[in-house]
Amino acid sequence: MPVSVLFSRYGYYITLKNMSNNLYPTTEIASAFSIPYESYYAMGKRGIIYDIDNTLVMHGAPADKRSIELFEKLRFIGFKTVLLSNNKEPRVKSFADDVGSLYVYRAGKPSVKGYEKAMKMMGTTPETTLFVGDQIFTDIWGANRAGIDTILTEPIDPREEIQIILKRRLEWFVLRSYHRKKKNCGKGPEVK
């Protein structure tokens, strides 16, 4: 019997058995700051879409020195970037201004519309775009549905709002299934 999840905020009803491939990241990595960006650029990626909270900084925190330096590095490599957030404009614009990135606020993740808008802003396609985020049911699911390669990062701060904590418990089941599938295929998951 498939596991079902009611995603009340966006009105989605998901059957994990049937949707699991859309919930699996292309790869996993501990931190957005340890991704081998030069390698992705060499593979033809030209734009990166980022989640902000718990991917780049703790939830609600302003851009820090590490984030600012990361976006400087990305521009030097040649990447275009967009911050994609379900948050309100003051939060997203402030962070975007500090790191020097384009942004989409109230993106409605996991809807593909925000991802498509971000690609249009960068002038990229799903094949030349990469998404980096920390949540499966919003970040990864939406980017996968938009046809974008995804990198799932570990959350920066374990202290989260209750609705996120509940989603993290469901994510555990998805990741367990993902890791088993990768292991059974003879190739372990890409965790760096």
N, C-alpha and C. Protein backbone atom coordinates (compact mmCIF):
# COMPACT_ATOMS: atom_id res chain seq x y z
N MET A 1 0.85 -1.18 0.00
CA MET A 1 0.00 0.00 0.00
C MET A 1 0.89 1.25 0.00
N PRO A 2 0.69 2.18 -0.94
CA PRO A 2 1.54 3.36 -0.98
C PRO A 2 1.32 4.27 0.21
N VAL A 3 2.37 4.99 0.56
CA VAL A 3 2.28 5.98 1.62
C VAL A 3 1.71 7.26 1.01
N SER A 4 0.75 7.87 1.67
CA SER A 4 0.15 9.10 1.15
C SER A 4 0.41 10.24 2.10
N VAL A 5 0.54 11.44 1.55
CA VAL A 5 0.84 12.63 2.34
C VAL A 5 -0.11 13.73 1.90
N LEU A 6 -0.72 14.40 2.85
CA LEU A 6 -1.55 15.56 2.54
C LEU A 6 -0.70 16.80 2.74
N PHE A 7 -0.53 17.57 1.69
CA PHE A 7 0.29 18.77 1.72
C PHE A 7 -0.66 19.95 1.76
N SER A 8 -1.20 20.25 2.93
CA SER A 8 -2.32 21.17 3.06
C SER A 8 -2.02 22.59 2.60
N ARG A 9 -0.82 23.09 2.78
CA ARG A 9 -0.54 24.49 2.43
C ARG A 9 -0.78 24.75 0.95
N TYR A 10 -0.40 23.81 0.10
CA TYR A 10 -0.56 23.98 -1.33
C TYR A 10 -1.67 23.10 -1.91
N GLY A 11 -2.33 22.33 -1.06
CA GLY A 11 -3.44 21.52 -1.51
C GLY A 11 -3.04 20.30 -2.30
N TYR A 12 -1.78 19.85 -2.18
CA TYR A 12 -1.34 18.68 -2.93
C TYR A 12 -1.57 17.41 -2.13
N TYR A 13 -1.99 16.37 -2.82
CA TYR A 13 -2.13 15.06 -2.22
C TYR A 13 -1.15 14.16 -2.97
N ILE A 14 -0.17 13.64 -2.29
CA ILE A 14 0.92 12.93 -2.93
C ILE A 14 0.88 11.46 -2.55
N THR A 15 1.02 10.59 -3.52
CA THR A 15 1.22 9.18 -3.25
C THR A 15 2.71 8.95 -3.47
N LEU A 16 3.45 8.73 -2.38
CA LEU A 16 4.91 8.64 -2.48
C LEU A 16 5.36 7.51 -3.39
N LYS A 17 4.66 6.41 -3.40
CA LYS A 17 5.06 5.30 -4.25
C LYS A 17 5.12 5.72 -5.71
N ASN A 18 4.16 6.54 -6.12
CA ASN A 18 4.10 6.97 -7.51
C ASN A 18 4.92 8.22 -7.79
N MET A 19 5.19 9.02 -6.77
CA MET A 19 5.85 10.31 -6.96
C MET A 19 7.31 10.29 -6.54
N SER A 20 7.81 9.17 -6.03
CA SER A 20 9.11 9.18 -5.37
C SER A 20 10.25 9.66 -6.26
N ASN A 21 10.25 9.33 -7.54
CA ASN A 21 11.35 9.80 -8.39
C ASN A 21 11.39 11.32 -8.49
N ASN A 22 10.24 11.97 -8.45
CA ASN A 22 10.22 13.44 -8.45
C ASN A 22 10.68 14.01 -7.12
N LEU A 23 10.71 13.20 -6.09
CA LEU A 23 11.15 13.66 -4.77
C LEU A 23 12.63 13.38 -4.53
N TYR A 24 13.25 12.58 -5.38
CA TYR A 24 14.66 12.24 -5.19
C TYR A 24 15.55 13.34 -5.76
N PRO A 25 16.57 13.76 -5.01
CA PRO A 25 17.51 14.74 -5.55
C PRO A 25 18.43 14.09 -6.59
N THR A 26 18.98 14.90 -7.47
CA THR A 26 19.98 14.39 -8.39
C THR A 26 21.22 13.98 -7.61
N THR A 27 21.56 14.78 -6.60
CA THR A 27 22.69 14.47 -5.73
C THR A 27 22.47 15.10 -4.36
N GLU A 28 23.23 14.65 -3.38
CA GLU A 28 23.20 15.22 -2.03
C GLU A 28 24.59 15.72 -1.69
N ILE A 29 24.63 16.75 -0.87
CA ILE A 29 25.91 17.28 -0.40
C ILE A 29 25.66 17.94 0.96
N ALA A 30 26.67 17.97 1.77
CA ALA A 30 26.50 18.50 3.13
C ALA A 30 26.12 19.97 3.14
N SER A 31 26.70 20.76 2.24
CA SER A 31 26.52 22.21 2.31
C SER A 31 26.59 22.85 0.93
N ALA A 32 25.84 23.91 0.75
CA ALA A 32 25.91 24.68 -0.50
C ALA A 32 27.30 25.27 -0.70
N PHE A 33 28.06 25.36 0.38
CA PHE A 33 29.39 25.97 0.31
C PHE A 33 30.48 24.96 -0.07
N SER A 34 30.12 23.69 -0.20
CA SER A 34 31.12 22.68 -0.57
C SER A 34 30.82 22.03 -1.93
N ILE A 35 29.92 22.62 -2.69
CA ILE A 35 29.60 22.11 -4.03
C ILE A 35 30.75 22.45 -4.98
N PRO A 36 31.16 21.49 -5.82
CA PRO A 36 32.23 21.78 -6.80
C PRO A 36 31.69 22.56 -8.00
N TYR A 37 31.49 23.85 -7.81
CA TYR A 37 30.83 24.68 -8.83
C TYR A 37 31.58 24.72 -10.16
N GLU A 38 32.90 24.71 -10.11
CA GLU A 38 33.67 24.73 -11.35
C GLU A 38 33.36 23.51 -12.20
N SER A 39 33.16 22.35 -11.56
CA SER A 39 32.83 21.12 -12.28
C SER A 39 31.47 21.24 -12.96
N TYR A 40 30.51 21.82 -12.27
CA TYR A 40 29.19 22.00 -12.87
C TYR A 40 29.24 22.97 -14.04
N TYR A 41 30.06 24.00 -13.93
CA TYR A 41 30.21 24.95 -15.03
C TYR A 41 30.83 24.23 -16.24
N ALA A 42 31.83 23.39 -15.99
CA ALA A 42 32.48 22.63 -17.06
C ALA A 42 31.49 21.66 -17.73
N MET A 43 30.47 21.22 -16.99
CA MET A 43 29.45 20.32 -17.55
C MET A 43 28.35 21.08 -18.29
N GLY A 44 28.46 22.41 -18.36
CA GLY A 44 27.50 23.19 -19.12
C GLY A 44 26.44 23.91 -18.32
N LYS A 45 26.51 23.83 -17.00
CA LYS A 45 25.54 24.57 -16.18
C LYS A 45 25.92 26.05 -16.22
N ARG A 46 24.91 26.91 -16.35
CA ARG A 46 25.18 28.35 -16.44
C ARG A 46 24.37 29.18 -15.44
N GLY A 47 23.34 28.58 -14.86
CA GLY A 47 22.53 29.29 -13.89
C GLY A 47 22.25 28.42 -12.68
N ILE A 48 22.20 29.05 -11.51
CA ILE A 48 21.90 28.33 -10.27
C ILE A 48 20.77 29.04 -9.55
N ILE A 49 19.77 28.25 -9.19
CA ILE A 49 18.65 28.75 -8.39
C ILE A 49 18.86 28.24 -6.97
N TYR A 50 18.76 29.15 -6.01
CA TYR A 50 18.97 28.80 -4.60
C TYR A 50 17.73 29.05 -3.76
N ASP A 51 17.50 28.16 -2.81
CA ASP A 51 16.65 28.45 -1.68
C ASP A 51 17.53 29.26 -0.72
N ILE A 52 16.93 30.04 0.17
CA ILE A 52 17.73 30.84 1.11
C ILE A 52 17.81 30.20 2.49
N ASP A 53 16.66 30.15 3.17
CA ASP A 53 16.63 29.75 4.58
C ASP A 53 17.00 28.27 4.78
N ASN A 54 18.00 28.09 5.60
CA ASN A 54 18.55 26.78 5.96
C ASN A 54 19.33 26.12 4.83
N THR A 55 19.47 26.82 3.71
CA THR A 55 20.35 26.36 2.63
C THR A 55 21.60 27.22 2.62
N LEU A 56 21.42 28.54 2.67
CA LEU A 56 22.56 29.48 2.65
C LEU A 56 22.85 30.07 4.03
N VAL A 57 21.81 30.30 4.81
CA VAL A 57 21.93 30.85 6.16
C VAL A 57 20.85 30.23 7.04
N MET A 58 20.96 30.43 8.35
CA MET A 58 19.91 30.00 9.26
C MET A 58 18.62 30.73 8.91
N HIS A 59 17.49 30.10 9.23
CA HIS A 59 16.18 30.67 8.90
C HIS A 59 16.06 32.11 9.40
N GLY A 60 15.76 33.03 8.48
CA GLY A 60 15.56 34.43 8.82
C GLY A 60 16.81 35.27 8.98
N ALA A 61 17.98 34.65 8.90
CA ALA A 61 19.24 35.38 9.10
C ALA A 61 19.59 36.20 7.86
N PRO A 62 20.28 37.33 8.05
CA PRO A 62 20.73 38.11 6.89
C PRO A 62 21.90 37.41 6.21
N ALA A 63 22.23 37.88 5.03
CA ALA A 63 23.38 37.33 4.32
C ALA A 63 24.63 37.53 5.16
N ASP A 64 25.43 36.49 5.26
CA ASP A 64 26.67 36.57 6.03
C ASP A 64 27.86 36.62 5.06
N LYS A 65 29.04 36.77 5.63
CA LYS A 65 30.26 36.89 4.83
C LYS A 65 30.45 35.69 3.90
N ARG A 66 30.15 34.51 4.42
CA ARG A 66 30.32 33.28 3.63
C ARG A 66 29.40 33.28 2.41
N SER A 67 28.15 33.72 2.59
CA SER A 67 27.21 33.78 1.46
C SER A 67 27.63 34.82 0.43
N ILE A 68 28.04 35.96 0.90
CA ILE A 68 28.48 37.04 0.00
C ILE A 68 29.68 36.57 -0.82
N GLU A 69 30.64 35.92 -0.17
CA GLU A 69 31.82 35.42 -0.88
C GLU A 69 31.46 34.32 -1.87
N LEU A 70 30.48 33.47 -1.53
CA LEU A 70 30.05 32.42 -2.45
C LEU A 70 29.50 33.03 -3.73
N PHE A 71 28.64 34.04 -3.61
CA PHE A 71 28.05 34.64 -4.80
C PHE A 71 29.08 35.42 -5.61
N GLU A 72 30.08 35.98 -4.96
CA GLU A 72 31.19 36.61 -5.70
C GLU A 72 31.93 35.56 -6.51
N LYS A 73 32.18 34.41 -5.89
CA LYS A 73 32.87 33.30 -6.57
C LYS A 73 32.05 32.81 -7.77
N LEU A 74 30.74 32.68 -7.58
CA LEU A 74 29.87 32.20 -8.66
C LEU A 74 29.89 33.16 -9.85
N ARG A 75 29.86 34.45 -9.58
CA ARG A 75 29.94 35.44 -10.66
C ARG A 75 31.29 35.35 -11.37
N PHE A 76 32.36 35.16 -10.62
CA PHE A 76 33.70 35.03 -11.20
C PHE A 76 33.77 33.82 -12.14
N ILE A 77 33.15 32.70 -11.71
CA ILE A 77 33.13 31.49 -12.55
C ILE A 77 32.33 31.73 -13.82
N GLY A 78 31.28 32.56 -13.72
CA GLY A 78 30.43 32.84 -14.87
C GLY A 78 28.97 32.49 -14.69
N PHE A 79 28.58 32.09 -13.50
CA PHE A 79 27.20 31.72 -13.23
C PHE A 79 26.31 32.94 -13.06
N LYS A 80 25.05 32.77 -13.47
CA LYS A 80 23.98 33.69 -13.11
C LYS A 80 23.23 33.01 -11.98
N THR A 81 22.63 33.79 -11.08
CA THR A 81 21.93 33.21 -9.94
C THR A 81 20.59 33.88 -9.70
N VAL A 82 19.68 33.09 -9.14
CA VAL A 82 18.39 33.60 -8.69
C VAL A 82 18.09 32.96 -7.34
N LEU A 83 17.65 33.77 -6.40
CA LEU A 83 17.16 33.26 -5.12
C LEU A 83 15.66 33.03 -5.28
N LEU A 84 15.21 31.83 -4.96
CA LEU A 84 13.80 31.46 -5.11
C LEU A 84 13.25 31.12 -3.74
N SER A 85 12.31 31.93 -3.27
CA SER A 85 11.82 31.78 -1.91
C SER A 85 10.31 31.93 -1.83
N ASN A 86 9.71 31.21 -0.91
CA ASN A 86 8.28 31.37 -0.62
C ASN A 86 8.05 32.53 0.34
N ASN A 87 9.13 33.15 0.78
CA ASN A 87 9.05 34.25 1.73
C ASN A 87 8.56 35.53 1.06
N LYS A 88 8.30 36.55 1.89
CA LYS A 88 7.84 37.85 1.40
C LYS A 88 9.01 38.66 0.84
N GLU A 89 8.68 39.66 0.03
CA GLU A 89 9.72 40.42 -0.66
C GLU A 89 10.74 41.10 0.25
N PRO A 90 10.37 41.73 1.36
CA PRO A 90 11.41 42.38 2.17
C PRO A 90 12.53 41.42 2.58
N ARG A 91 12.17 40.20 2.96
CA ARG A 91 13.19 39.21 3.36
C ARG A 91 14.07 38.83 2.18
N VAL A 92 13.46 38.52 1.06
CA VAL A 92 14.20 38.01 -0.10
C VAL A 92 15.02 39.12 -0.76
N LYS A 93 14.43 40.30 -0.93
CA LYS A 93 15.13 41.41 -1.57
C LYS A 93 16.36 41.83 -0.77
N SER A 94 16.22 41.89 0.53
CA SER A 94 17.33 42.27 1.39
C SER A 94 18.51 41.31 1.21
N PHE A 95 18.22 40.02 1.23
CA PHE A 95 19.27 39.02 1.07
C PHE A 95 19.87 39.12 -0.34
N ALA A 96 19.01 39.23 -1.35
CA ALA A 96 19.47 39.31 -2.74
C ALA A 96 20.36 40.53 -2.96
N ASP A 97 19.99 41.67 -2.39
CA ASP A 97 20.80 42.87 -2.53
C ASP A 97 22.18 42.67 -1.91
N ASP A 98 22.23 42.00 -0.77
CA ASP A 98 23.51 41.79 -0.08
C ASP A 98 24.45 40.86 -0.85
N VAL A 99 23.89 39.83 -1.51
CA VAL A 99 24.75 38.89 -2.23
C VAL A 99 24.87 39.22 -3.72
N GLY A 100 24.05 40.15 -4.20
CA GLY A 100 24.13 40.54 -5.60
C GLY A 100 23.48 39.54 -6.54
N SER A 101 22.26 39.12 -6.22
CA SER A 101 21.57 38.11 -7.02
C SER A 101 20.18 38.60 -7.42
N LEU A 102 19.67 38.05 -8.49
CA LEU A 102 18.27 38.24 -8.84
C LEU A 102 17.44 37.43 -7.85
N TYR A 103 16.13 37.67 -7.81
CA TYR A 103 15.31 36.94 -6.85
C TYR A 103 13.86 36.82 -7.31
N VAL A 104 13.20 35.80 -6.77
CA VAL A 104 11.76 35.60 -6.93
C VAL A 104 11.22 35.36 -5.53
N TYR A 105 10.30 36.21 -5.09
CA TYR A 105 9.70 36.04 -3.77
C TYR A 105 8.30 35.46 -3.93
N ARG A 106 7.75 34.95 -2.84
CA ARG A 106 6.44 34.27 -2.88
C ARG A 106 6.35 33.38 -4.10
N ALA A 107 7.33 32.52 -4.25
CA ALA A 107 7.49 31.68 -5.45
C ALA A 107 6.46 30.56 -5.55
N GLY A 108 5.82 30.21 -4.44
CA GLY A 108 4.83 29.15 -4.49
C GLY A 108 5.42 27.76 -4.68
N LYS A 109 6.69 27.58 -4.25
CA LYS A 109 7.29 26.25 -4.34
C LYS A 109 6.39 25.26 -3.60
N PRO A 110 6.12 24.13 -4.17
CA PRO A 110 6.79 23.44 -5.28
C PRO A 110 6.22 23.68 -6.68
N SER A 111 5.41 24.68 -6.88
CA SER A 111 4.91 24.98 -8.22
C SER A 111 6.09 25.25 -9.16
N VAL A 112 5.98 24.79 -10.39
CA VAL A 112 7.08 24.99 -11.34
C VAL A 112 7.17 26.43 -11.84
N LYS A 113 6.13 27.22 -11.63
CA LYS A 113 6.11 28.59 -12.16
C LYS A 113 7.28 29.44 -11.68
N GLY A 114 7.62 29.33 -10.39
CA GLY A 114 8.74 30.10 -9.87
C GLY A 114 10.07 29.69 -10.48
N TYR A 115 10.25 28.39 -10.69
CA TYR A 115 11.48 27.87 -11.29
C TYR A 115 11.58 28.34 -12.74
N GLU A 116 10.46 28.30 -13.45
CA GLU A 116 10.45 28.76 -14.84
C GLU A 116 10.74 30.26 -14.93
N LYS A 117 10.18 31.03 -14.01
CA LYS A 117 10.45 32.48 -13.97
C LYS A 117 11.93 32.73 -13.70
N ALA A 118 12.52 31.97 -12.77
CA ALA A 118 13.94 32.13 -12.45
C ALA A 118 14.81 31.83 -13.67
N MET A 119 14.48 30.75 -14.39
CA MET A 119 15.27 30.43 -15.59
C MET A 119 15.13 31.52 -16.65
N LYS A 120 13.93 32.05 -16.80
CA LYS A 120 13.72 33.12 -17.78
C LYS A 120 14.57 34.34 -17.40
N MET A 121 14.61 34.67 -16.12
CA MET A 121 15.41 35.81 -15.65
C MET A 121 16.89 35.62 -15.96
N MET A 122 17.38 34.37 -15.87
CA MET A 122 18.80 34.08 -16.11
C MET A 122 19.09 33.81 -17.57
N GLY A 123 18.06 33.53 -18.36
CA GLY A 123 18.27 33.17 -19.75
C GLY A 123 18.81 31.76 -19.90
N THR A 124 18.41 30.87 -18.98
CA THR A 124 18.88 29.48 -19.02
C THR A 124 17.72 28.54 -19.32
N THR A 125 18.05 27.27 -19.52
CA THR A 125 17.08 26.21 -19.76
C THR A 125 17.20 25.20 -18.62
N PRO A 126 16.26 24.25 -18.52
CA PRO A 126 16.42 23.22 -17.48
C PRO A 126 17.76 22.47 -17.58
N GLU A 127 18.24 22.26 -18.79
CA GLU A 127 19.50 21.53 -18.98
C GLU A 127 20.73 22.33 -18.51
N THR A 128 20.62 23.65 -18.51
CA THR A 128 21.78 24.48 -18.12
C THR A 128 21.61 25.10 -16.73
N THR A 129 20.60 24.62 -15.99
CA THR A 129 20.29 25.18 -14.68
C THR A 129 20.46 24.13 -13.60
N LEU A 130 20.85 24.58 -12.43
CA LEU A 130 21.03 23.74 -11.26
C LEU A 130 20.22 24.37 -10.13
N PHE A 131 19.61 23.52 -9.29
CA PHE A 131 18.89 24.02 -8.13
C PHE A 131 19.55 23.49 -6.86
N VAL A 132 19.68 24.35 -5.84
CA VAL A 132 20.26 23.98 -4.55
C VAL A 132 19.28 24.34 -3.45
N GLY A 133 18.88 23.33 -2.65
CA GLY A 133 17.95 23.58 -1.56
C GLY A 133 18.00 22.49 -0.50
N ASP A 134 17.31 22.73 0.62
CA ASP A 134 17.39 21.81 1.76
C ASP A 134 16.11 21.03 2.04
N GLN A 135 15.04 21.27 1.29
CA GLN A 135 13.78 20.59 1.56
C GLN A 135 13.30 19.80 0.34
N ILE A 136 12.90 18.57 0.59
CA ILE A 136 12.44 17.70 -0.49
C ILE A 136 11.08 18.11 -1.02
N PHE A 137 10.12 18.35 -0.12
CA PHE A 137 8.74 18.56 -0.55
C PHE A 137 8.46 19.93 -1.15
N THR A 138 9.38 20.84 -1.07
CA THR A 138 9.20 22.12 -1.74
C THR A 138 10.31 22.29 -2.78
N ASP A 139 11.54 22.40 -2.33
CA ASP A 139 12.68 22.69 -3.20
C ASP A 139 12.91 21.63 -4.28
N ILE A 140 13.17 20.42 -3.85
CA ILE A 140 13.56 19.34 -4.77
C ILE A 140 12.40 18.93 -5.67
N TRP A 141 11.23 18.75 -5.06
CA TRP A 141 10.07 18.32 -5.85
C TRP A 141 9.76 19.33 -6.96
N GLY A 142 9.74 20.59 -6.63
CA GLY A 142 9.44 21.61 -7.63
C GLY A 142 10.48 21.67 -8.73
N ALA A 143 11.76 21.66 -8.36
CA ALA A 143 12.83 21.72 -9.36
C ALA A 143 12.83 20.49 -10.26
N ASN A 144 12.61 19.32 -9.68
CA ASN A 144 12.54 18.10 -10.49
C ASN A 144 11.39 18.18 -11.48
N ARG A 145 10.27 18.68 -11.05
CA ARG A 145 9.11 18.80 -11.95
C ARG A 145 9.38 19.80 -13.07
N ALA A 146 10.26 20.76 -12.81
CA ALA A 146 10.65 21.73 -13.84
C ALA A 146 11.77 21.20 -14.73
N GLY A 147 12.26 19.99 -14.45
CA GLY A 147 13.30 19.37 -15.26
C GLY A 147 14.71 19.80 -14.93
N ILE A 148 14.90 20.39 -13.76
CA ILE A 148 16.21 20.93 -13.35
C ILE A 148 16.95 19.91 -12.48
N ASP A 149 18.26 19.77 -12.68
CA ASP A 149 19.09 18.95 -11.80
C ASP A 149 19.08 19.58 -10.41
N THR A 150 19.02 18.73 -9.39
CA THR A 150 18.88 19.22 -8.02
C THR A 150 19.99 18.74 -7.11
N ILE A 151 20.36 19.61 -6.17
CA ILE A 151 21.31 19.25 -5.12
C ILE A 151 20.60 19.50 -3.79
N LEU A 152 20.47 18.44 -3.01
CA LEU A 152 19.88 18.54 -1.68
C LEU A 152 20.99 18.75 -0.67
N THR A 153 20.89 19.83 0.10
CA THR A 153 21.87 20.10 1.15
C THR A 153 21.29 19.73 2.51
N GLU A 154 22.15 19.53 3.47
CA GLU A 154 21.69 19.33 4.84
C GLU A 154 21.26 20.69 5.37
N PRO A 155 20.19 20.72 6.19
CA PRO A 155 19.78 22.02 6.76
C PRO A 155 20.87 22.59 7.65
N ILE A 156 21.06 23.89 7.59
CA ILE A 156 22.08 24.55 8.40
C ILE A 156 21.76 24.49 9.89
N ASP A 157 20.49 24.73 10.22
CA ASP A 157 20.09 24.80 11.63
C ASP A 157 19.01 23.76 11.91
N PRO A 158 19.22 22.88 12.89
CA PRO A 158 18.19 21.87 13.19
C PRO A 158 16.94 22.44 13.86
N ARG A 159 17.03 23.66 14.38
CA ARG A 159 15.85 24.28 15.02
C ARG A 159 14.99 24.92 13.94
N GLU A 160 13.78 24.38 13.75
CA GLU A 160 12.92 24.85 12.68
C GLU A 160 11.49 25.01 13.18
N GLU A 161 10.68 25.67 12.36
CA GLU A 161 9.26 25.83 12.66
C GLU A 161 8.58 24.48 12.62
N ILE A 162 7.47 24.35 13.33
CA ILE A 162 6.80 23.06 13.48
C ILE A 162 6.40 22.43 12.14
N GLN A 163 5.92 23.23 11.18
CA GLN A 163 5.51 22.65 9.90
C GLN A 163 6.70 22.08 9.15
N ILE A 164 7.88 22.68 9.32
CA ILE A 164 9.09 22.15 8.69
C ILE A 164 9.53 20.87 9.38
N ILE A 165 9.44 20.83 10.70
CA ILE A 165 9.80 19.63 11.45
C ILE A 165 8.95 18.45 10.99
N LEU A 166 7.67 18.67 10.80
CA LEU A 166 6.78 17.60 10.35
C LEU A 166 7.18 17.12 8.94
N LYS A 167 7.51 18.06 8.06
CA LYS A 167 7.94 17.67 6.71
C LYS A 167 9.26 16.91 6.76
N ARG A 168 10.16 17.30 7.67
CA ARG A 168 11.45 16.61 7.77
C ARG A 168 11.25 15.14 8.15
N ARG A 169 10.27 14.86 8.98
CA ARG A 169 9.99 13.47 9.34
C ARG A 169 9.54 12.68 8.13
N LEU A 170 8.73 13.28 7.28
CA LEU A 170 8.32 12.62 6.04
C LEU A 170 9.49 12.49 5.06
N GLU A 171 10.36 13.50 5.04
CA GLU A 171 11.53 13.44 4.18
C GLU A 171 12.42 12.25 4.52
N TRP A 172 12.46 11.90 5.78
CA TRP A 172 13.29 10.78 6.21
C TRP A 172 12.89 9.51 5.46
N PHE A 173 11.60 9.28 5.29
CA PHE A 173 11.12 8.10 4.56
C PHE A 173 11.52 8.16 3.09
N VAL A 174 11.41 9.33 2.50
CA VAL A 174 11.79 9.49 1.10
C VAL A 174 13.28 9.23 0.93
N LEU A 175 14.10 9.81 1.81
CA LEU A 175 15.55 9.62 1.71
C LEU A 175 15.96 8.17 1.97
N ARG A 176 15.28 7.52 2.87
CA ARG A 176 15.57 6.10 3.13
C ARG A 176 15.30 5.29 1.86
N SER A 177 14.19 5.54 1.22
CA SER A 177 13.85 4.85 -0.03
C SER A 177 14.87 5.18 -1.12
N TYR A 178 15.25 6.44 -1.21
CA TYR A 178 16.23 6.89 -2.20
C TYR A 178 17.57 6.18 -1.99
N HIS A 179 18.03 6.13 -0.76
CA HIS A 179 19.31 5.49 -0.47
C HIS A 179 19.26 3.99 -0.75
N ARG A 180 18.16 3.34 -0.44
CA ARG A 180 18.00 1.91 -0.73
C ARG A 180 18.01 1.66 -2.24
N LYS A 181 17.30 2.50 -2.96
CA LYS A 181 17.25 2.35 -4.41
C LYS A 181 18.64 2.51 -5.02
N LYS A 182 19.36 3.52 -4.59
CA LYS A 182 20.72 3.74 -5.10
C LYS A 182 21.63 2.57 -4.74
N LYS A 183 21.50 2.06 -3.52
CA LYS A 183 22.34 0.95 -3.06
C LYS A 183 22.02 -0.31 -3.86
N ASN A 184 20.76 -0.57 -4.13
CA ASN A 184 20.34 -1.76 -4.88
C ASN A 184 20.73 -1.68 -6.35
N CYS A 185 20.95 -0.50 -6.85
CA CYS A 185 21.38 -0.32 -8.25
C CYS A 185 22.88 -0.49 -8.38
N GLY A 186 23.55 -0.77 -7.27
CA GLY A 186 25.00 -0.96 -7.30
C GLY A 186 25.80 0.31 -7.19
N LYS A 187 25.13 1.41 -6.98
CA LYS A 187 25.82 2.69 -6.86
C LYS A 187 25.26 3.40 -5.64
N GLY A 188 26.11 3.72 -4.71
CA GLY A 188 25.67 4.43 -3.51
C GLY A 188 25.23 5.84 -3.86
N PRO A 189 24.45 6.46 -2.99
CA PRO A 189 24.02 7.83 -3.24
C PRO A 189 25.21 8.78 -3.26
N GLU A 190 25.07 9.82 -4.04
CA GLU A 190 26.14 10.81 -4.12
C GLU A 190 26.04 11.76 -2.94
N VAL A 191 26.73 11.43 -1.88
CA VAL A 191 26.76 12.29 -0.71
C VAL A 191 28.19 12.75 -0.54
N LYS A 192 28.37 14.04 -0.48
CA LYS A 192 29.74 14.56 -0.36
C LYS A 192 29.89 15.31 0.92
